[in-house]
Amino acid sequence: MSTSKQSSIFAKEIDWKLTHNILRVKDSSELTKFYVNNFGMKRVKTYTPSLPYNVDVLGYTHIFDENFNKASDALPSSILLELHHNDPSMNTPSLVNSSPSKIYWKLGITLYDANYV
């Protein structure tokens, strides 16, 4: 059996879903607070590579079972939210879309029980 097929079977057995969203934002501080306070995400990584923008990565350091208990024997979740943003010193009032944008954000959130939430 190929490694790819084994990986696919393993991912199905543990119900993994690869979710990685990258958003370009003007200022990540408010969005970071929102996802940390409302969705329990943690700042997984923050780094500033030699690029003209910074990157904040948010995610979960643990996963929950269907009863919202921490699943101690599971690997950390693969759900990541990556926020790309300019250094605050580069933010100016002129930093806006040049025309009406046809781009929108769509994030998927998996819930065990929507009524419970």
PDB file of N, CA and C in Angstrom:
ATOM      1  N   MET A   1       0.850  -1.170   0.000  1.00  0.00           N
ATOM      2  CA  MET A   1       0.000   0.000   0.000  1.00  0.00           C
ATOM      3  C   MET A   1       0.901   1.242   0.000  1.00  0.00           C
ATOM      4  N   SER A   2       0.556   2.231  -0.809  1.00  0.00           N
ATOM      5  CA  SER A   2       1.380   3.438  -0.914  1.00  0.00           C
ATOM      6  C   SER A   2       1.262   4.300   0.346  1.00  0.00           C
ATOM      7  N   THR A   3       2.281   5.110   0.561  1.00  0.00           N
ATOM      8  CA  THR A   3       2.270   6.024   1.706  1.00  0.00           C
ATOM      9  C   THR A   3       1.103   6.988   1.613  1.00  0.00           C
ATOM     10  N   SER A   4       0.813   7.454   0.411  1.00  0.00           N
ATOM     11  CA  SER A   4      -0.293   8.386   0.206  1.00  0.00           C
ATOM     12  C   SER A   4      -1.618   7.748   0.606  1.00  0.00           C
ATOM     13  N   LYS A   5      -1.823   6.491   0.206  1.00  0.00           N
ATOM     14  CA  LYS A   5      -3.066   5.796   0.543  1.00  0.00           C
ATOM     15  C   LYS A   5      -3.139   5.551   2.048  1.00  0.00           C
ATOM     16  N   GLN A   6      -2.015   5.171   2.675  1.00  0.00           N
ATOM     17  CA  GLN A   6      -1.991   4.972   4.123  1.00  0.00           C
ATOM     18  C   GLN A   6      -2.330   6.271   4.846  1.00  0.00           C
ATOM     19  N   SER A   7      -1.773   7.377   4.381  1.00  0.00           N
ATOM     20  CA  SER A   7      -2.047   8.679   4.991  1.00  0.00           C
ATOM     21  C   SER A   7      -3.513   9.035   4.855  1.00  0.00           C
ATOM     22  N   SER A   8      -4.082   8.751   3.696  1.00  0.00           N
ATOM     23  CA  SER A   8      -5.488   9.045   3.457  1.00  0.00           C
ATOM     24  C   SER A   8      -6.385   8.238   4.392  1.00  0.00           C
ATOM     25  N   ILE A   9      -6.080   6.964   4.566  1.00  0.00           N
ATOM     26  CA  ILE A   9      -6.857   6.105   5.471  1.00  0.00           C
ATOM     27  C   ILE A   9      -6.730   6.612   6.898  1.00  0.00           C
ATOM     28  N   PHE A  10      -5.512   6.951   7.316  1.00  0.00           N
ATOM     29  CA  PHE A  10      -5.276   7.468   8.664  1.00  0.00           C
ATOM     30  C   PHE A  10      -6.075   8.751   8.898  1.00  0.00           C
ATOM     31  N   ALA A  11      -6.057   9.667   7.914  1.00  0.00           N
ATOM     32  CA  ALA A  11      -6.785  10.933   8.051  1.00  0.00           C
ATOM     33  C   ALA A  11      -8.280  10.684   8.210  1.00  0.00           C
ATOM     34  N   LYS A  12      -8.825   9.711   7.478  1.00  0.00           N
ATOM     35  CA  LYS A  12     -10.254   9.396   7.599  1.00  0.00           C
ATOM     36  C   LYS A  12     -10.561   8.777   8.952  1.00  0.00           C
ATOM     37  N   GLU A  13      -9.673   7.910   9.441  1.00  0.00           N
ATOM     38  CA  GLU A  13      -9.902   7.253  10.730  1.00  0.00           C
ATOM     39  C   GLU A  13      -9.961   8.248  11.878  1.00  0.00           C
ATOM     40  N   ILE A  14      -9.128   9.275  11.823  1.00  0.00           N
ATOM     41  CA  ILE A  14      -9.130  10.240  12.924  1.00  0.00           C
ATOM     42  C   ILE A  14      -9.942  11.486  12.574  1.00  0.00           C
ATOM     43  N   ASP A  15     -10.669  11.442  11.468  1.00  0.00           N
ATOM     44  CA  ASP A  15     -11.573  12.509  11.055  1.00  0.00           C
ATOM     45  C   ASP A  15     -10.857  13.845  10.907  1.00  0.00           C
ATOM     46  N   TRP A  16      -9.701  13.833  10.299  1.00  0.00           N
ATOM     47  CA  TRP A  16      -8.952  15.070  10.077  1.00  0.00           C
ATOM     48  C   TRP A  16      -9.468  15.784   8.858  1.00  0.00           C
ATOM     49  N   LYS A  17      -9.532  17.084   8.967  1.00  0.00           N
ATOM     50  CA  LYS A  17      -9.871  17.926   7.832  1.00  0.00           C
ATOM     51  C   LYS A  17      -8.792  18.997   7.742  1.00  0.00           C
ATOM     52  N   LEU A  18      -8.123  19.084   6.617  1.00  0.00           N
ATOM     53  CA  LEU A  18      -7.091  20.092   6.445  1.00  0.00           C
ATOM     54  C   LEU A  18      -7.761  21.425   6.154  1.00  0.00           C
ATOM     55  N   THR A  19      -7.582  22.362   7.041  1.00  0.00           N
ATOM     56  CA  THR A  19      -8.168  23.682   6.884  1.00  0.00           C
ATOM     57  C   THR A  19      -7.095  24.709   7.176  1.00  0.00           C
ATOM     58  N   HIS A  20      -6.762  25.478   6.196  1.00  0.00           N
ATOM     59  CA  HIS A  20      -5.755  26.519   6.368  1.00  0.00           C
ATOM     60  C   HIS A  20      -6.212  27.710   5.549  1.00  0.00           C
ATOM     61  N   ASN A  21      -6.556  28.781   6.232  1.00  0.00           N
ATOM     62  CA  ASN A  21      -7.025  29.984   5.560  1.00  0.00           C
ATOM     63  C   ASN A  21      -5.997  31.087   5.719  1.00  0.00           C
ATOM     64  N   ILE A  22      -5.741  31.814   4.653  1.00  0.00           N
ATOM     65  CA  ILE A  22      -4.815  32.940   4.684  1.00  0.00           C
ATOM     66  C   ILE A  22      -5.605  34.193   4.317  1.00  0.00           C
ATOM     67  N   LEU A  23      -5.560  35.186   5.212  1.00  0.00           N
ATOM     68  CA  LEU A  23      -6.268  36.438   4.981  1.00  0.00           C
ATOM     69  C   LEU A  23      -5.269  37.585   4.980  1.00  0.00           C
ATOM     70  N   ARG A  24      -5.412  38.483   4.048  1.00  0.00           N
ATOM     71  CA  ARG A  24      -4.581  39.690   4.003  1.00  0.00           C
ATOM     72  C   ARG A  24      -5.379  40.781   4.708  1.00  0.00           C
ATOM     73  N   VAL A  25      -4.826  41.335   5.780  1.00  0.00           N
ATOM     74  CA  VAL A  25      -5.537  42.323   6.587  1.00  0.00           C
ATOM     75  C   VAL A  25      -4.661  43.548   6.804  1.00  0.00           C
ATOM     76  N   LYS A  26      -5.299  44.678   7.103  1.00  0.00           N
ATOM     77  CA  LYS A  26      -4.543  45.907   7.350  1.00  0.00           C
ATOM     78  C   LYS A  26      -3.894  45.864   8.723  1.00  0.00           C
ATOM     79  N   ASP A  27      -4.627  45.357   9.728  1.00  0.00           N
ATOM     80  CA  ASP A  27      -4.118  45.295  11.103  1.00  0.00           C
ATOM     81  C   ASP A  27      -4.657  44.013  11.721  1.00  0.00           C
ATOM     82  N   SER A  28      -3.785  43.147  12.173  1.00  0.00           N
ATOM     83  CA  SER A  28      -4.225  41.842  12.685  1.00  0.00           C
ATOM     84  C   SER A  28      -4.606  41.859  14.158  1.00  0.00           C
ATOM     85  N   SER A  29      -4.331  42.931  14.886  1.00  0.00           N
ATOM     86  CA  SER A  29      -4.523  42.900  16.339  1.00  0.00           C
ATOM     87  C   SER A  29      -5.977  42.667  16.741  1.00  0.00           C
ATOM     88  N   GLU A  30      -6.928  43.344  16.110  1.00  0.00           N
ATOM     89  CA  GLU A  30      -8.339  43.158  16.469  1.00  0.00           C
ATOM     90  C   GLU A  30      -8.840  41.778  16.048  1.00  0.00           C
ATOM     91  N   LEU A  31      -8.446  41.322  14.866  1.00  0.00           N
ATOM     92  CA  LEU A  31      -8.862  39.987  14.426  1.00  0.00           C
ATOM     93  C   LEU A  31      -8.275  38.907  15.324  1.00  0.00           C
ATOM     94  N   THR A  32      -7.032  39.088  15.737  1.00  0.00           N
ATOM     95  CA  THR A  32      -6.405  38.120  16.638  1.00  0.00           C
ATOM     96  C   THR A  32      -7.198  38.038  17.934  1.00  0.00           C
ATOM     97  N   LYS A  33      -7.542  39.183  18.525  1.00  0.00           N
ATOM     98  CA  LYS A  33      -8.346  39.197  19.759  1.00  0.00           C
ATOM     99  C   LYS A  33      -9.684  38.500  19.537  1.00  0.00           C
ATOM    100  N   PHE A  34     -10.328  38.768  18.390  1.00  0.00           N
ATOM    101  CA  PHE A  34     -11.631  38.180  18.089  1.00  0.00           C
ATOM    102  C   PHE A  34     -11.566  36.651  18.078  1.00  0.00           C
ATOM    103  N   TYR A  35     -10.611  36.089  17.349  1.00  0.00           N
ATOM    104  CA  TYR A  35     -10.526  34.635  17.242  1.00  0.00           C
ATOM    105  C   TYR A  35     -10.039  33.985  18.535  1.00  0.00           C
ATOM    106  N   VAL A  36      -9.192  34.666  19.283  1.00  0.00           N
ATOM    107  CA  VAL A  36      -8.734  34.137  20.572  1.00  0.00           C
ATOM    108  C   VAL A  36      -9.885  34.150  21.573  1.00  0.00           C
ATOM    109  N   ASN A  37     -10.610  35.272  21.672  1.00  0.00           N
ATOM    110  CA  ASN A  37     -11.677  35.409  22.664  1.00  0.00           C
ATOM    111  C   ASN A  37     -12.946  34.644  22.315  1.00  0.00           C
ATOM    112  N   ASN A  38     -13.303  34.553  21.041  1.00  0.00           N
ATOM    113  CA  ASN A  38     -14.571  33.940  20.653  1.00  0.00           C
ATOM    114  C   ASN A  38     -14.469  32.494  20.197  1.00  0.00           C
ATOM    115  N   PHE A  39     -13.308  32.081  19.725  1.00  0.00           N
ATOM    116  CA  PHE A  39     -13.165  30.725  19.208  1.00  0.00           C
ATOM    117  C   PHE A  39     -12.113  29.913  19.944  1.00  0.00           C
ATOM    118  N   GLY A  40     -11.505  30.497  20.972  1.00  0.00           N
ATOM    119  CA  GLY A  40     -10.527  29.763  21.767  1.00  0.00           C
ATOM    120  C   GLY A  40      -9.237  29.434  21.041  1.00  0.00           C
ATOM    121  N   MET A  41      -8.961  30.145  19.964  1.00  0.00           N
ATOM    122  CA  MET A  41      -7.713  29.898  19.235  1.00  0.00           C
ATOM    123  C   MET A  41      -6.548  30.502  20.013  1.00  0.00           C
ATOM    124  N   LYS A  42      -5.377  30.030  19.737  1.00  0.00           N
ATOM    125  CA  LYS A  42      -4.150  30.532  20.357  1.00  0.00           C
ATOM    126  C   LYS A  42      -3.241  31.055  19.257  1.00  0.00           C
ATOM    127  N   ARG A  43      -2.405  32.013  19.614  1.00  0.00           N
ATOM    128  CA  ARG A  43      -1.398  32.465  18.654  1.00  0.00           C
ATOM    129  C   ARG A  43      -0.348  31.369  18.600  1.00  0.00           C
ATOM    130  N   VAL A  44      -0.330  30.648  17.508  1.00  0.00           N
ATOM    131  CA  VAL A  44       0.576  29.522  17.347  1.00  0.00           C
ATOM    132  C   VAL A  44       1.967  30.016  16.988  1.00  0.00           C
ATOM    133  N   LYS A  45       2.011  31.012  16.153  1.00  0.00           N
ATOM    134  CA  LYS A  45       3.306  31.463  15.662  1.00  0.00           C
ATOM    135  C   LYS A  45       3.166  32.884  15.135  1.00  0.00           C
ATOM    136  N   THR A  46       4.142  33.686  15.418  1.00  0.00           N
ATOM    137  CA  THR A  46       4.221  35.020  14.838  1.00  0.00           C
ATOM    138  C   THR A  46       5.637  35.189  14.329  1.00  0.00           C
ATOM    139  N   TYR A  47       5.768  35.570  13.111  1.00  0.00           N
ATOM    140  CA  TYR A  47       7.112  35.777  12.599  1.00  0.00           C
ATOM    141  C   TYR A  47       7.109  36.876  11.549  1.00  0.00           C
ATOM    142  N   THR A  48       8.235  37.475  11.373  1.00  0.00           N
ATOM    143  CA  THR A  48       8.408  38.525  10.383  1.00  0.00           C
ATOM    144  C   THR A  48       9.556  38.128   9.473  1.00  0.00           C
ATOM    145  N   PRO A  49       9.257  37.438   8.398  1.00  0.00           N
ATOM    146  CA  PRO A  49      10.320  37.080   7.458  1.00  0.00           C
ATOM    147  C   PRO A  49      10.807  38.333   6.732  1.00  0.00           C
ATOM    148  N   SER A  50      11.780  38.193   5.917  1.00  0.00           N
ATOM    149  CA  SER A  50      12.304  39.348   5.178  1.00  0.00           C
ATOM    150  C   SER A  50      11.379  39.666   4.001  1.00  0.00           C
ATOM    151  N   LEU A  51      10.135  39.914   4.338  1.00  0.00           N
ATOM    152  CA  LEU A  51       9.110  40.280   3.362  1.00  0.00           C
ATOM    153  C   LEU A  51       8.486  41.598   3.810  1.00  0.00           C
ATOM    154  N   PRO A  52       7.753  42.273   2.943  1.00  0.00           N
ATOM    155  CA  PRO A  52       7.168  43.559   3.334  1.00  0.00           C
ATOM    156  C   PRO A  52       5.906  43.425   4.191  1.00  0.00           C
ATOM    157  N   TYR A  53       5.669  42.270   4.780  1.00  0.00           N
ATOM    158  CA  TYR A  53       4.511  42.100   5.658  1.00  0.00           C
ATOM    159  C   TYR A  53       4.851  41.127   6.779  1.00  0.00           C
ATOM    160  N   ASN A  54       4.027  41.142   7.821  1.00  0.00           N
ATOM    161  CA  ASN A  54       4.173  40.231   8.959  1.00  0.00           C
ATOM    162  C   ASN A  54       3.135  39.127   8.835  1.00  0.00           C
ATOM    163  N   VAL A  55       3.351  38.048   9.546  1.00  0.00           N
ATOM    164  CA  VAL A  55       2.424  36.921   9.519  1.00  0.00           C
ATOM    165  C   VAL A  55       2.115  36.501  10.949  1.00  0.00           C
ATOM    166  N   ASP A  56       0.829  36.446  11.289  1.00  0.00           N
ATOM    167  CA  ASP A  56       0.375  35.876  12.557  1.00  0.00           C
ATOM    168  C   ASP A  56      -0.362  34.592  12.220  1.00  0.00           C
ATOM    169  N   VAL A  57      -0.060  33.512  12.920  1.00  0.00           N
ATOM    170  CA  VAL A  57      -0.727  32.237  12.695  1.00  0.00           C
ATOM    171  C   VAL A  57      -1.490  31.877  13.959  1.00  0.00           C
ATOM    172  N   LEU A  58      -2.795  31.658  13.814  1.00  0.00           N
ATOM    173  CA  LEU A  58      -3.653  31.268  14.928  1.00  0.00           C
ATOM    174  C   LEU A  58      -4.111  29.841  14.709  1.00  0.00           C
ATOM    175  N   GLY A  59      -4.329  29.117  15.786  1.00  0.00           N
ATOM    176  CA  GLY A  59      -4.803  27.746  15.669  1.00  0.00           C
ATOM    177  C   GLY A  59      -5.187  27.198  17.020  1.00  0.00           C
ATOM    178  N   TYR A  60      -5.431  25.914  17.051  1.00  0.00           N
ATOM    179  CA  TYR A  60      -5.796  25.226  18.287  1.00  0.00           C
ATOM    180  C   TYR A  60      -4.636  24.346  18.717  1.00  0.00           C
ATOM    181  N   THR A  61      -4.306  24.399  19.995  1.00  0.00           N
ATOM    182  CA  THR A  61      -3.219  23.574  20.508  1.00  0.00           C
ATOM    183  C   THR A  61      -3.729  22.231  20.999  1.00  0.00           C
ATOM    184  N   HIS A  62      -5.034  22.042  20.970  1.00  0.00           N
ATOM    185  CA  HIS A  62      -5.649  20.767  21.340  1.00  0.00           C
ATOM    186  C   HIS A  62      -6.976  20.667  20.592  1.00  0.00           C
ATOM    187  N   ILE A  63      -7.568  19.498  20.594  1.00  0.00           N
ATOM    188  CA  ILE A  63      -8.878  19.332  19.978  1.00  0.00           C
ATOM    189  C   ILE A  63      -9.853  18.814  21.020  1.00  0.00           C
ATOM    190  N   PHE A  64     -11.127  18.928  20.705  1.00  0.00           N
ATOM    191  CA  PHE A  64     -12.184  18.512  21.615  1.00  0.00           C
ATOM    192  C   PHE A  64     -12.938  17.333  21.021  1.00  0.00           C
ATOM    193  N   ASP A  65     -13.523  16.516  21.902  1.00  0.00           N
ATOM    194  CA  ASP A  65     -14.376  15.434  21.418  1.00  0.00           C
ATOM    195  C   ASP A  65     -15.788  15.979  21.228  1.00  0.00           C
ATOM    196  N   GLU A  66     -16.723  15.102  20.887  1.00  0.00           N
ATOM    197  CA  GLU A  66     -18.090  15.541  20.608  1.00  0.00           C
ATOM    198  C   GLU A  66     -18.805  16.109  21.830  1.00  0.00           C
ATOM    199  N   ASN A  67     -18.274  15.898  23.036  1.00  0.00           N
ATOM    200  CA  ASN A  67     -18.863  16.452  24.256  1.00  0.00           C
ATOM    201  C   ASN A  67     -18.118  17.697  24.726  1.00  0.00           C
ATOM    202  N   PHE A  68     -17.281  18.243  23.875  1.00  0.00           N
ATOM    203  CA  PHE A  68     -16.495  19.442  24.156  1.00  0.00           C
ATOM    204  C   PHE A  68     -15.505  19.244  25.299  1.00  0.00           C
ATOM    205  N   ASN A  69     -15.045  18.006  25.476  1.00  0.00           N
ATOM    206  CA  ASN A  69     -13.974  17.708  26.423  1.00  0.00           C
ATOM    207  C   ASN A  69     -12.674  17.622  25.643  1.00  0.00           C
ATOM    208  N   LYS A  70     -11.591  18.042  26.270  1.00  0.00           N
ATOM    209  CA  LYS A  70     -10.304  17.935  25.590  1.00  0.00           C
ATOM    210  C   LYS A  70     -10.014  16.473  25.290  1.00  0.00           C
ATOM    211  N   ALA A  71      -9.625  16.200  24.074  1.00  0.00           N
ATOM    212  CA  ALA A  71      -9.265  14.847  23.668  1.00  0.00           C
ATOM    213  C   ALA A  71      -7.770  14.686  23.919  1.00  0.00           C
ATOM    214  N   SER A  72      -7.427  14.076  25.034  1.00  0.00           N
ATOM    215  CA  SER A  72      -6.028  14.030  25.459  1.00  0.00           C
ATOM    216  C   SER A  72      -5.152  13.127  24.604  1.00  0.00           C
ATOM    217  N   ASP A  73      -5.742  12.146  23.946  1.00  0.00           N
ATOM    218  CA  ASP A  73      -4.934  11.206  23.174  1.00  0.00           C
ATOM    219  C   ASP A  73      -4.869  11.564  21.689  1.00  0.00           C
ATOM    220  N   ALA A  74      -5.294  12.763  21.347  1.00  0.00           N
ATOM    221  CA  ALA A  74      -5.320  13.155  19.942  1.00  0.00           C
ATOM    222  C   ALA A  74      -4.201  14.144  19.636  1.00  0.00           C
ATOM    223  N   LEU A  75      -3.816  14.166  18.390  1.00  0.00           N
ATOM    224  CA  LEU A  75      -2.832  15.143  17.938  1.00  0.00           C
ATOM    225  C   LEU A  75      -3.486  16.517  17.863  1.00  0.00           C
ATOM    226  N   PRO A  76      -2.706  17.593  17.960  1.00  0.00           N
ATOM    227  CA  PRO A  76      -3.300  18.932  17.831  1.00  0.00           C
ATOM    228  C   PRO A  76      -4.001  19.099  16.493  1.00  0.00           C
ATOM    229  N   SER A  77      -4.984  19.964  16.482  1.00  0.00           N
ATOM    230  CA  SER A  77      -5.774  20.217  15.289  1.00  0.00           C
ATOM    231  C   SER A  77      -4.925  20.845  14.192  1.00  0.00           C
ATOM    232  N   SER A  78      -5.297  20.555  12.966  1.00  0.00           N
ATOM    233  CA  SER A  78      -4.572  21.125  11.827  1.00  0.00           C
ATOM    234  C   SER A  78      -5.220  22.410  11.330  1.00  0.00           C
ATOM    235  N   ILE A  79      -6.191  22.924  12.047  1.00  0.00           N
ATOM    236  CA  ILE A  79      -6.890  24.126  11.612  1.00  0.00           C
ATOM    237  C   ILE A  79      -6.029  25.343  11.911  1.00  0.00           C
ATOM    238  N   LEU A  80      -5.707  26.095  10.881  1.00  0.00           N
ATOM    239  CA  LEU A  80      -4.879  27.283  11.041  1.00  0.00           C
ATOM    240  C   LEU A  80      -5.516  28.468  10.339  1.00  0.00           C
ATOM    241  N   LEU A  81      -5.342  29.622  10.936  1.00  0.00           N
ATOM    242  CA  LEU A  81      -5.763  30.874  10.333  1.00  0.00           C
ATOM    243  C   LEU A  81      -4.527  31.757  10.270  1.00  0.00           C
ATOM    244  N   GLU A  82      -4.140  32.114   9.078  1.00  0.00           N
ATOM    245  CA  GLU A  82      -2.915  32.887   8.872  1.00  0.00           C
ATOM    246  C   GLU A  82      -3.303  34.299   8.445  1.00  0.00           C
ATOM    247  N   LEU A  83      -2.846  35.290   9.213  1.00  0.00           N
ATOM    248  CA  LEU A  83      -3.155  36.685   8.926  1.00  0.00           C
ATOM    249  C   LEU A  83      -1.895  37.383   8.423  1.00  0.00           C
ATOM    250  N   HIS A  84      -1.923  37.827   7.191  1.00  0.00           N
ATOM    251  CA  HIS A  84      -0.803  38.579   6.619  1.00  0.00           C
ATOM    252  C   HIS A  84      -1.141  40.058   6.764  1.00  0.00           C
ATOM    253  N   HIS A  85      -0.217  40.833   7.306  1.00  0.00           N
ATOM    254  CA  HIS A  85      -0.482  42.257   7.496  1.00  0.00           C
ATOM    255  C   HIS A  85       0.801  43.059   7.395  1.00  0.00           C
ATOM    256  N   ASN A  86       0.649  44.319   7.014  1.00  0.00           N
ATOM    257  CA  ASN A  86       1.793  45.226   6.927  1.00  0.00           C
ATOM    258  C   ASN A  86       2.272  45.588   8.318  1.00  0.00           C
ATOM    259  N   ASP A  87       3.514  45.943   8.410  1.00  0.00           N
ATOM    260  CA  ASP A  87       4.053  46.500   9.644  1.00  0.00           C
ATOM    261  C   ASP A  87       3.241  47.760   9.963  1.00  0.00           C
ATOM    262  N   PRO A  88       2.843  47.970  11.237  1.00  0.00           N
ATOM    263  CA  PRO A  88       2.012  49.138  11.572  1.00  0.00           C
ATOM    264  C   PRO A  88       2.594  50.466  11.098  1.00  0.00           C
ATOM    265  N   SER A  89       3.898  50.577  11.031  1.00  0.00           N
ATOM    266  CA  SER A  89       4.504  51.834  10.576  1.00  0.00           C
ATOM    267  C   SER A  89       4.207  52.110   9.101  1.00  0.00           C
ATOM    268  N   MET A  90       3.797  51.074   8.373  1.00  0.00           N
ATOM    269  CA  MET A  90       3.492  51.241   6.949  1.00  0.00           C
ATOM    270  C   MET A  90       2.022  51.557   6.710  1.00  0.00           C
ATOM    271  N   ASN A  91       1.171  51.443   7.748  1.00  0.00           N
ATOM    272  CA  ASN A  91      -0.253  51.708   7.584  1.00  0.00           C
ATOM    273  C   ASN A  91      -0.496  53.201   7.408  1.00  0.00           C
ATOM    274  N   THR A  92      -1.204  53.546   6.374  1.00  0.00           N
ATOM    275  CA  THR A  92      -1.572  54.928   6.115  1.00  0.00           C
ATOM    276  C   THR A  92      -3.028  54.947   5.684  1.00  0.00           C
ATOM    277  N   PRO A  93      -3.692  56.104   5.780  1.00  0.00           N
ATOM    278  CA  PRO A  93      -5.086  56.178   5.313  1.00  0.00           C
ATOM    279  C   PRO A  93      -5.232  55.802   3.843  1.00  0.00           C
ATOM    280  N   SER A  94      -4.174  55.965   3.072  1.00  0.00           N
ATOM    281  CA  SER A  94      -4.260  55.645   1.645  1.00  0.00           C
ATOM    282  C   SER A  94      -4.153  54.144   1.367  1.00  0.00           C
ATOM    283  N   LEU A  95      -3.900  53.347   2.400  1.00  0.00           N
ATOM    284  CA  LEU A  95      -3.780  51.898   2.220  1.00  0.00           C
ATOM    285  C   LEU A  95      -5.177  51.276   2.196  1.00  0.00           C
ATOM    286  N   VAL A  96      -5.794  51.305   1.024  1.00  0.00           N
ATOM    287  CA  VAL A  96      -7.140  50.772   0.827  1.00  0.00           C
ATOM    288  C   VAL A  96      -7.184  50.070  -0.524  1.00  0.00           C
ATOM    289  N   ASN A  97      -8.286  49.363  -0.773  1.00  0.00           N
ATOM    290  CA  ASN A  97      -8.469  48.777  -2.097  1.00  0.00           C
ATOM    291  C   ASN A  97      -8.548  49.900  -3.121  1.00  0.00           C
ATOM    292  N   SER A  98      -8.007  49.675  -4.287  1.00  0.00           N
ATOM    293  CA  SER A  98      -8.012  50.716  -5.312  1.00  0.00           C
ATOM    294  C   SER A  98      -9.354  50.821  -6.022  1.00  0.00           C
ATOM    295  N   SER A  99     -10.170  49.819  -5.907  1.00  0.00           N
ATOM    296  CA  SER A  99     -11.494  49.848  -6.530  1.00  0.00           C
ATOM    297  C   SER A  99     -12.388  48.883  -5.772  1.00  0.00           C
ATOM    298  N   PRO A 100     -13.688  48.921  -6.038  1.00  0.00           N
ATOM    299  CA  PRO A 100     -14.557  47.958  -5.356  1.00  0.00           C
ATOM    300  C   PRO A 100     -14.064  46.532  -5.600  1.00  0.00           C
ATOM    301  N   SER A 101     -13.974  45.793  -4.547  1.00  0.00           N
ATOM    302  CA  SER A 101     -13.416  44.445  -4.633  1.00  0.00           C
ATOM    303  C   SER A 101     -14.517  43.413  -4.816  1.00  0.00           C
ATOM    304  N   LYS A 102     -14.236  42.411  -5.611  1.00  0.00           N
ATOM    305  CA  LYS A 102     -15.161  41.299  -5.778  1.00  0.00           C
ATOM    306  C   LYS A 102     -14.697  40.106  -4.960  1.00  0.00           C
ATOM    307  N   ILE A 103     -13.781  40.375  -4.038  1.00  0.00           N
ATOM    308  CA  ILE A 103     -13.240  39.318  -3.189  1.00  0.00           C
ATOM    309  C   ILE A 103     -13.960  39.352  -1.856  1.00  0.00           C
ATOM    310  N   TYR A 104     -14.303  38.205  -1.324  1.00  0.00           N
ATOM    311  CA  TYR A 104     -14.906  38.136  -0.003  1.00  0.00           C
ATOM    312  C   TYR A 104     -14.284  36.979   0.754  1.00  0.00           C
ATOM    313  N   TRP A 105     -14.396  37.050   2.056  1.00  0.00           N
ATOM    314  CA  TRP A 105     -13.854  35.991   2.903  1.00  0.00           C
ATOM    315  C   TRP A 105     -14.953  34.996   3.202  1.00  0.00           C
ATOM    316  N   LYS A 106     -14.621  33.743   3.157  1.00  0.00           N
ATOM    317  CA  LYS A 106     -15.570  32.705   3.551  1.00  0.00           C
ATOM    318  C   LYS A 106     -14.800  31.711   4.393  1.00  0.00           C
ATOM    319  N   LEU A 107     -15.154  31.627   5.660  1.00  0.00           N
ATOM    320  CA  LEU A 107     -14.501  30.703   6.578  1.00  0.00           C
ATOM    321  C   LEU A 107     -15.508  29.648   6.989  1.00  0.00           C
ATOM    322  N   GLY A 108     -15.079  28.415   7.016  1.00  0.00           N
ATOM    323  CA  GLY A 108     -15.942  27.330   7.466  1.00  0.00           C
ATOM    324  C   GLY A 108     -15.654  26.993   8.917  1.00  0.00           C
ATOM    325  N   ILE A 109     -16.699  26.801   9.682  1.00  0.00           N
ATOM    326  CA  ILE A 109     -16.556  26.430  11.086  1.00  0.00           C
ATOM    327  C   ILE A 109     -17.325  25.133  11.295  1.00  0.00           C
ATOM    328  N   THR A 110     -16.645  24.113  11.793  1.00  0.00           N
ATOM    329  CA  THR A 110     -17.279  22.826  12.042  1.00  0.00           C
ATOM    330  C   THR A 110     -17.823  22.803  13.460  1.00  0.00           C
ATOM    331  N   LEU A 111     -19.093  22.465  13.596  1.00  0.00           N
ATOM    332  CA  LEU A 111     -19.740  22.388  14.904  1.00  0.00           C
ATOM    333  C   LEU A 111     -20.304  20.988  15.104  1.00  0.00           C
ATOM    334  N   TYR A 112     -20.154  20.459  16.310  1.00  0.00           N
ATOM    335  CA  TYR A 112     -20.771  19.168  16.609  1.00  0.00           C
ATOM    336  C   TYR A 112     -22.273  19.331  16.773  1.00  0.00           C
ATOM    337  N   ASP A 113     -22.691  20.425  17.383  1.00  0.00           N
ATOM    338  CA  ASP A 113     -24.102  20.639  17.672  1.00  0.00           C
ATOM    339  C   ASP A 113     -24.388  22.132  17.577  1.00  0.00           C
ATOM    340  N   ALA A 114     -24.986  22.567  16.481  1.00  0.00           N
ATOM    341  CA  ALA A 114     -25.254  23.996  16.284  1.00  0.00           C
ATOM    342  C   ALA A 114     -26.205  24.540  17.342  1.00  0.00           C
ATOM    343  N   ASN A 115     -27.155  23.732  17.791  1.00  0.00           N
ATOM    344  CA  ASN A 115     -28.089  24.188  18.822  1.00  0.00           C
ATOM    345  C   ASN A 115     -27.377  24.440  20.143  1.00  0.00           C
ATOM    346  N   TYR A 116     -26.363  23.631  20.467  1.00  0.00           N
ATOM    347  CA  TYR A 116     -25.608  23.802  21.702  1.00  0.00           C
ATOM    348  C   TYR A 116     -24.845  25.117  21.685  1.00  0.00           C
ATOM    349  N   VAL A 117     -24.293  25.437  20.528  1.00  0.00           N
ATOM    350  CA  VAL A 117     -23.494  26.653  20.398  1.00  0.00           C
ATOM    351  C   VAL A 117     -24.394  27.856  20.500  1.00  0.00           C
TER     352      VAL A 117
END
